[in-house]
Amino acid sequence: MAVPKKKTSKAKKNMRRSHHAMTASALATCEKCGAPKRPHRVCLSCGDYNGKQVLATAE
């Protein structure tokens, strides 16, 4: 079994983990109602996707 010869330093460990940070999810605005929504998904407030009415909403 492979065993490290020396302890990994804090700097080396943190450099390796530099890509592990969380990023905020991207938000787009709905073209029909202007509500924030996730890209490439149906708008939950108006039910519109790609210029078409996909979900029936009670307004």
PDB file of N, CA and C in Angstrom:
ATOM      1  N   MET A   1       0.841  -1.179   0.000  1.00  0.00           N
ATOM      2  CA  MET A   1       0.000   0.000   0.000  1.00  0.00           C
ATOM      3  C   MET A   1       0.885   1.241   0.000  1.00  0.00           C
ATOM      4  N   ALA A   2       0.563   2.211  -0.834  1.00  0.00           N
ATOM      5  CA  ALA A   2       1.364   3.424  -0.931  1.00  0.00           C
ATOM      6  C   ALA A   2       1.097   4.335   0.254  1.00  0.00           C
ATOM      7  N   VAL A   3       2.168   4.814   0.853  1.00  0.00           N
ATOM      8  CA  VAL A   3       2.069   5.710   2.005  1.00  0.00           C
ATOM      9  C   VAL A   3       2.887   6.951   1.698  1.00  0.00           C
ATOM     10  N   PRO A   4       2.349   8.159   1.950  1.00  0.00           N
ATOM     11  CA  PRO A   4       3.123   9.362   1.679  1.00  0.00           C
ATOM     12  C   PRO A   4       4.373   9.439   2.562  1.00  0.00           C
ATOM     13  N   LYS A   5       5.456   9.887   1.971  1.00  0.00           N
ATOM     14  CA  LYS A   5       6.711   9.983   2.719  1.00  0.00           C
ATOM     15  C   LYS A   5       6.722  11.199   3.627  1.00  0.00           C
ATOM     16  N   LYS A   6       6.103  12.307   3.174  1.00  0.00           N
ATOM     17  CA  LYS A   6       6.064  13.537   3.969  1.00  0.00           C
ATOM     18  C   LYS A   6       4.633  14.039   4.071  1.00  0.00           C
ATOM     19  N   LYS A   7       4.381  14.830   5.095  1.00  0.00           N
ATOM     20  CA  LYS A   7       3.058  15.423   5.299  1.00  0.00           C
ATOM     21  C   LYS A   7       2.806  16.477   4.227  1.00  0.00           C
ATOM     22  N   THR A   8       1.585  16.484   3.688  1.00  0.00           N
ATOM     23  CA  THR A   8       1.220  17.506   2.706  1.00  0.00           C
ATOM     24  C   THR A   8       0.998  18.828   3.428  1.00  0.00           C
ATOM     25  N   SER A   9       1.635  19.877   2.964  1.00  0.00           N
ATOM     26  CA  SER A   9       1.531  21.173   3.632  1.00  0.00           C
ATOM     27  C   SER A   9       0.148  21.781   3.418  1.00  0.00           C
ATOM     28  N   LYS A  10      -0.196  22.743   4.275  1.00  0.00           N
ATOM     29  CA  LYS A  10      -1.491  23.415   4.164  1.00  0.00           C
ATOM     30  C   LYS A  10      -1.605  24.144   2.836  1.00  0.00           C
ATOM     31  N   ALA A  11      -0.512  24.749   2.390  1.00  0.00           N
ATOM     32  CA  ALA A  11      -0.541  25.497   1.130  1.00  0.00           C
ATOM     33  C   ALA A  11      -0.795  24.564  -0.054  1.00  0.00           C
ATOM     34  N   LYS A  12      -0.114  23.433  -0.066  1.00  0.00           N
ATOM     35  CA  LYS A  12      -0.284  22.476  -1.173  1.00  0.00           C
ATOM     36  C   LYS A  12      -1.698  21.899  -1.170  1.00  0.00           C
ATOM     37  N   LYS A  13      -2.212  21.600   0.023  1.00  0.00           N
ATOM     38  CA  LYS A  13      -3.560  21.057   0.159  1.00  0.00           C
ATOM     39  C   LYS A  13      -4.592  22.075  -0.326  1.00  0.00           C
ATOM     40  N   ASN A  14      -4.413  23.351   0.063  1.00  0.00           N
ATOM     41  CA  ASN A  14      -5.367  24.380  -0.336  1.00  0.00           C
ATOM     42  C   ASN A  14      -5.275  24.724  -1.815  1.00  0.00           C
ATOM     43  N   MET A  15      -4.077  24.597  -2.413  1.00  0.00           N
ATOM     44  CA  MET A  15      -3.944  24.816  -3.854  1.00  0.00           C
ATOM     45  C   MET A  15      -4.692  23.736  -4.632  1.00  0.00           C
ATOM     46  N   ARG A  16      -4.642  22.510  -4.129  1.00  0.00           N
ATOM     47  CA  ARG A  16      -5.347  21.413  -4.788  1.00  0.00           C
ATOM     48  C   ARG A  16      -6.853  21.620  -4.695  1.00  0.00           C
ATOM     49  N   ARG A  17      -7.325  22.203  -3.587  1.00  0.00           N
ATOM     50  CA  ARG A  17      -8.750  22.394  -3.374  1.00  0.00           C
ATOM     51  C   ARG A  17      -9.255  23.727  -3.902  1.00  0.00           C
ATOM     52  N   SER A  18      -8.460  24.441  -4.669  1.00  0.00           N
ATOM     53  CA  SER A  18      -8.857  25.776  -5.130  1.00  0.00           C
ATOM     54  C   SER A  18     -10.049  25.726  -6.084  1.00  0.00           C
ATOM     55  N   HIS A  19     -10.317  24.599  -6.713  1.00  0.00           N
ATOM     56  CA  HIS A  19     -11.435  24.481  -7.648  1.00  0.00           C
ATOM     57  C   HIS A  19     -12.685  23.910  -6.993  1.00  0.00           C
ATOM     58  N   HIS A  20     -12.662  23.708  -5.683  1.00  0.00           N
ATOM     59  CA  HIS A  20     -13.789  23.088  -4.998  1.00  0.00           C
ATOM     60  C   HIS A  20     -14.800  24.101  -4.480  1.00  0.00           C
ATOM     61  N   ALA A  21     -14.609  25.376  -4.754  1.00  0.00           N
ATOM     62  CA  ALA A  21     -15.489  26.406  -4.201  1.00  0.00           C
ATOM     63  C   ALA A  21     -16.876  26.328  -4.833  1.00  0.00           C
ATOM     64  N   MET A  22     -17.889  26.678  -4.049  1.00  0.00           N
ATOM     65  CA  MET A  22     -19.263  26.697  -4.539  1.00  0.00           C
ATOM     66  C   MET A  22     -19.475  27.964  -5.370  1.00  0.00           C
ATOM     67  N   THR A  23     -20.248  27.849  -6.426  1.00  0.00           N
ATOM     68  CA  THR A  23     -20.568  29.013  -7.246  1.00  0.00           C
ATOM     69  C   THR A  23     -22.073  29.240  -7.202  1.00  0.00           C
ATOM     70  N   ALA A  24     -22.462  30.478  -7.341  1.00  0.00           N
ATOM     71  CA  ALA A  24     -23.884  30.818  -7.339  1.00  0.00           C
ATOM     72  C   ALA A  24     -24.509  30.338  -8.646  1.00  0.00           C
ATOM     73  N   SER A  25     -25.743  29.857  -8.569  1.00  0.00           N
ATOM     74  CA  SER A  25     -26.410  29.386  -9.773  1.00  0.00           C
ATOM     75  C   SER A  25     -26.781  30.574 -10.652  1.00  0.00           C
ATOM     76  N   ALA A  26     -26.685  30.382 -11.948  1.00  0.00           N
ATOM     77  CA  ALA A  26     -26.968  31.451 -12.895  1.00  0.00           C
ATOM     78  C   ALA A  26     -28.471  31.708 -12.960  1.00  0.00           C
ATOM     79  N   LEU A  27     -28.854  32.954 -13.103  1.00  0.00           N
ATOM     80  CA  LEU A  27     -30.252  33.318 -13.221  1.00  0.00           C
ATOM     81  C   LEU A  27     -30.450  34.131 -14.495  1.00  0.00           C
ATOM     82  N   ALA A  28     -31.543  33.865 -15.165  1.00  0.00           N
ATOM     83  CA  ALA A  28     -31.944  34.634 -16.337  1.00  0.00           C
ATOM     84  C   ALA A  28     -33.299  35.249 -16.027  1.00  0.00           C
ATOM     85  N   THR A  29     -33.710  36.220 -16.820  1.00  0.00           N
ATOM     86  CA  THR A  29     -35.030  36.813 -16.617  1.00  0.00           C
ATOM     87  C   THR A  29     -35.982  36.265 -17.669  1.00  0.00           C
ATOM     88  N   CYS A  30     -37.199  36.026 -17.255  1.00  0.00           N
ATOM     89  CA  CYS A  30     -38.224  35.544 -18.173  1.00  0.00           C
ATOM     90  C   CYS A  30     -38.561  36.663 -19.155  1.00  0.00           C
ATOM     91  N   GLU A  31     -38.640  36.323 -20.429  1.00  0.00           N
ATOM     92  CA  GLU A  31     -38.927  37.324 -21.453  1.00  0.00           C
ATOM     93  C   GLU A  31     -40.368  37.795 -21.403  1.00  0.00           C
ATOM     94  N   LYS A  32     -41.254  36.948 -20.880  1.00  0.00           N
ATOM     95  CA  LYS A  32     -42.668  37.292 -20.855  1.00  0.00           C
ATOM     96  C   LYS A  32     -43.047  38.106 -19.619  1.00  0.00           C
ATOM     97  N   CYS A  33     -42.654  37.624 -18.429  1.00  0.00           N
ATOM     98  CA  CYS A  33     -43.093  38.299 -17.200  1.00  0.00           C
ATOM     99  C   CYS A  33     -41.958  39.015 -16.467  1.00  0.00           C
ATOM    100  N   GLY A  34     -40.708  38.735 -16.813  1.00  0.00           N
ATOM    101  CA  GLY A  34     -39.579  39.412 -16.186  1.00  0.00           C
ATOM    102  C   GLY A  34     -39.148  38.810 -14.864  1.00  0.00           C
ATOM    103  N   ALA A  35     -39.722  37.707 -14.460  1.00  0.00           N
ATOM    104  CA  ALA A  35     -39.345  37.065 -13.202  1.00  0.00           C
ATOM    105  C   ALA A  35     -38.008  36.345 -13.365  1.00  0.00           C
ATOM    106  N   PRO A  36     -37.205  36.262 -12.305  1.00  0.00           N
ATOM    107  CA  PRO A  36     -35.951  35.500 -12.411  1.00  0.00           C
ATOM    108  C   PRO A  36     -36.231  34.006 -12.486  1.00  0.00           C
ATOM    109  N   LYS A  37     -35.493  33.331 -13.372  1.00  0.00           N
ATOM    110  CA  LYS A  37     -35.653  31.890 -13.543  1.00  0.00           C
ATOM    111  C   LYS A  37     -34.308  31.308 -13.916  1.00  0.00           C
ATOM    112  N   ARG A  38     -34.166  29.993 -13.768  1.00  0.00           N
ATOM    113  CA  ARG A  38     -32.935  29.330 -14.176  1.00  0.00           C
ATOM    114  C   ARG A  38     -32.941  29.165 -15.690  1.00  0.00           C
ATOM    115  N   PRO A  39     -31.785  29.299 -16.341  1.00  0.00           N
ATOM    116  CA  PRO A  39     -31.752  29.205 -17.799  1.00  0.00           C
ATOM    117  C   PRO A  39     -32.157  27.818 -18.306  1.00  0.00           C
ATOM    118  N   HIS A  40     -32.803  27.778 -19.446  1.00  0.00           N
ATOM    119  CA  HIS A  40     -33.247  26.558 -20.132  1.00  0.00           C
ATOM    120  C   HIS A  40     -34.272  25.776 -19.312  1.00  0.00           C
ATOM    121  N   ARG A  41     -35.073  26.494 -18.531  1.00  0.00           N
ATOM    122  CA  ARG A  41     -36.129  25.855 -17.751  1.00  0.00           C
ATOM    123  C   ARG A  41     -37.405  26.666 -17.861  1.00  0.00           C
ATOM    124  N   VAL A  42     -38.520  26.041 -17.537  1.00  0.00           N
ATOM    125  CA  VAL A  42     -39.824  26.691 -17.605  1.00  0.00           C
ATOM    126  C   VAL A  42     -39.906  27.749 -16.509  1.00  0.00           C
ATOM    127  N   CYS A  43     -40.470  28.889 -16.833  1.00  0.00           N
ATOM    128  CA  CYS A  43     -40.713  29.931 -15.832  1.00  0.00           C
ATOM    129  C   CYS A  43     -41.856  29.464 -14.941  1.00  0.00           C
ATOM    130  N   LEU A  44     -41.615  29.445 -13.633  1.00  0.00           N
ATOM    131  CA  LEU A  44     -42.624  28.921 -12.720  1.00  0.00           C
ATOM    132  C   LEU A  44     -43.721  29.938 -12.446  1.00  0.00           C
ATOM    133  N   SER A  45     -43.476  31.230 -12.712  1.00  0.00           N
ATOM    134  CA  SER A  45     -44.532  32.200 -12.442  1.00  0.00           C
ATOM    135  C   SER A  45     -45.532  32.317 -13.583  1.00  0.00           C
ATOM    136  N   CYS A  46     -45.074  32.237 -14.830  1.00  0.00           N
ATOM    137  CA  CYS A  46     -46.030  32.372 -15.937  1.00  0.00           C
ATOM    138  C   CYS A  46     -46.182  31.096 -16.766  1.00  0.00           C
ATOM    139  N   GLY A  47     -45.302  30.097 -16.596  1.00  0.00           N
ATOM    140  CA  GLY A  47     -45.413  28.837 -17.321  1.00  0.00           C
ATOM    141  C   GLY A  47     -44.945  28.912 -18.756  1.00  0.00           C
ATOM    142  N   ASP A  48     -44.123  29.885 -19.082  1.00  0.00           N
ATOM    143  CA  ASP A  48     -43.665  30.098 -20.458  1.00  0.00           C
ATOM    144  C   ASP A  48     -42.290  29.462 -20.643  1.00  0.00           C
ATOM    145  N   TYR A  49     -42.057  28.853 -21.802  1.00  0.00           N
ATOM    146  CA  TYR A  49     -40.733  28.340 -22.147  1.00  0.00           C
ATOM    147  C   TYR A  49     -40.524  28.522 -23.643  1.00  0.00           C
ATOM    148  N   ASN A  50     -39.463  29.215 -23.999  1.00  0.00           N
ATOM    149  CA  ASN A  50     -39.076  29.423 -25.397  1.00  0.00           C
ATOM    150  C   ASN A  50     -40.205  30.060 -26.208  1.00  0.00           C
ATOM    151  N   GLY A  51     -40.920  30.996 -25.592  1.00  0.00           N
ATOM    152  CA  GLY A  51     -41.987  31.704 -26.285  1.00  0.00           C
ATOM    153  C   GLY A  51     -43.291  30.946 -26.386  1.00  0.00           C
ATOM    154  N   LYS A  52     -43.387  29.784 -25.750  1.00  0.00           N
ATOM    155  CA  LYS A  52     -44.614  28.980 -25.805  1.00  0.00           C
ATOM    156  C   LYS A  52     -45.151  28.771 -24.402  1.00  0.00           C
ATOM    157  N   GLN A  53     -46.447  28.694 -24.281  1.00  0.00           N
ATOM    158  CA  GLN A  53     -47.105  28.413 -22.999  1.00  0.00           C
ATOM    159  C   GLN A  53     -47.036  26.907 -22.759  1.00  0.00           C
ATOM    160  N   VAL A  54     -46.312  26.498 -21.715  1.00  0.00           N
ATOM    161  CA  VAL A  54     -46.099  25.079 -21.469  1.00  0.00           C
ATOM    162  C   VAL A  54     -46.899  24.613 -20.248  1.00  0.00           C
ATOM    163  N   LEU A  55     -46.900  25.424 -19.202  1.00  0.00           N
ATOM    164  CA  LEU A  55     -47.632  25.075 -17.977  1.00  0.00           C
ATOM    165  C   LEU A  55     -48.873  25.954 -17.851  1.00  0.00           C
ATOM    166  N   ALA A  56     -49.936  25.347 -17.378  1.00  0.00           N
ATOM    167  CA  ALA A  56     -51.145  26.131 -17.103  1.00  0.00           C
ATOM    168  C   ALA A  56     -51.015  26.730 -15.713  1.00  0.00           C
ATOM    169  N   THR A  57     -51.108  28.055 -15.614  1.00  0.00           N
ATOM    170  CA  THR A  57     -51.015  28.721 -14.329  1.00  0.00           C
ATOM    171  C   THR A  57     -52.333  29.383 -13.984  1.00  0.00           C
ATOM    172  N   ALA A  58     -52.656  29.401 -12.706  1.00  0.00           N
ATOM    173  CA  ALA A  58     -53.893  30.060 -12.244  1.00  0.00           C
ATOM    174  C   ALA A  58     -53.571  31.526 -11.961  1.00  0.00           C
ATOM    175  N   GLU A  59     -53.995  32.404 -12.829  1.00  0.00           N
ATOM    176  CA  GLU A  59     -53.718  33.839 -12.684  1.00  0.00           C
ATOM    177  C   GLU A  59     -54.954  34.606 -12.329  1.00  0.00           C
TER     178      GLU A  59
END
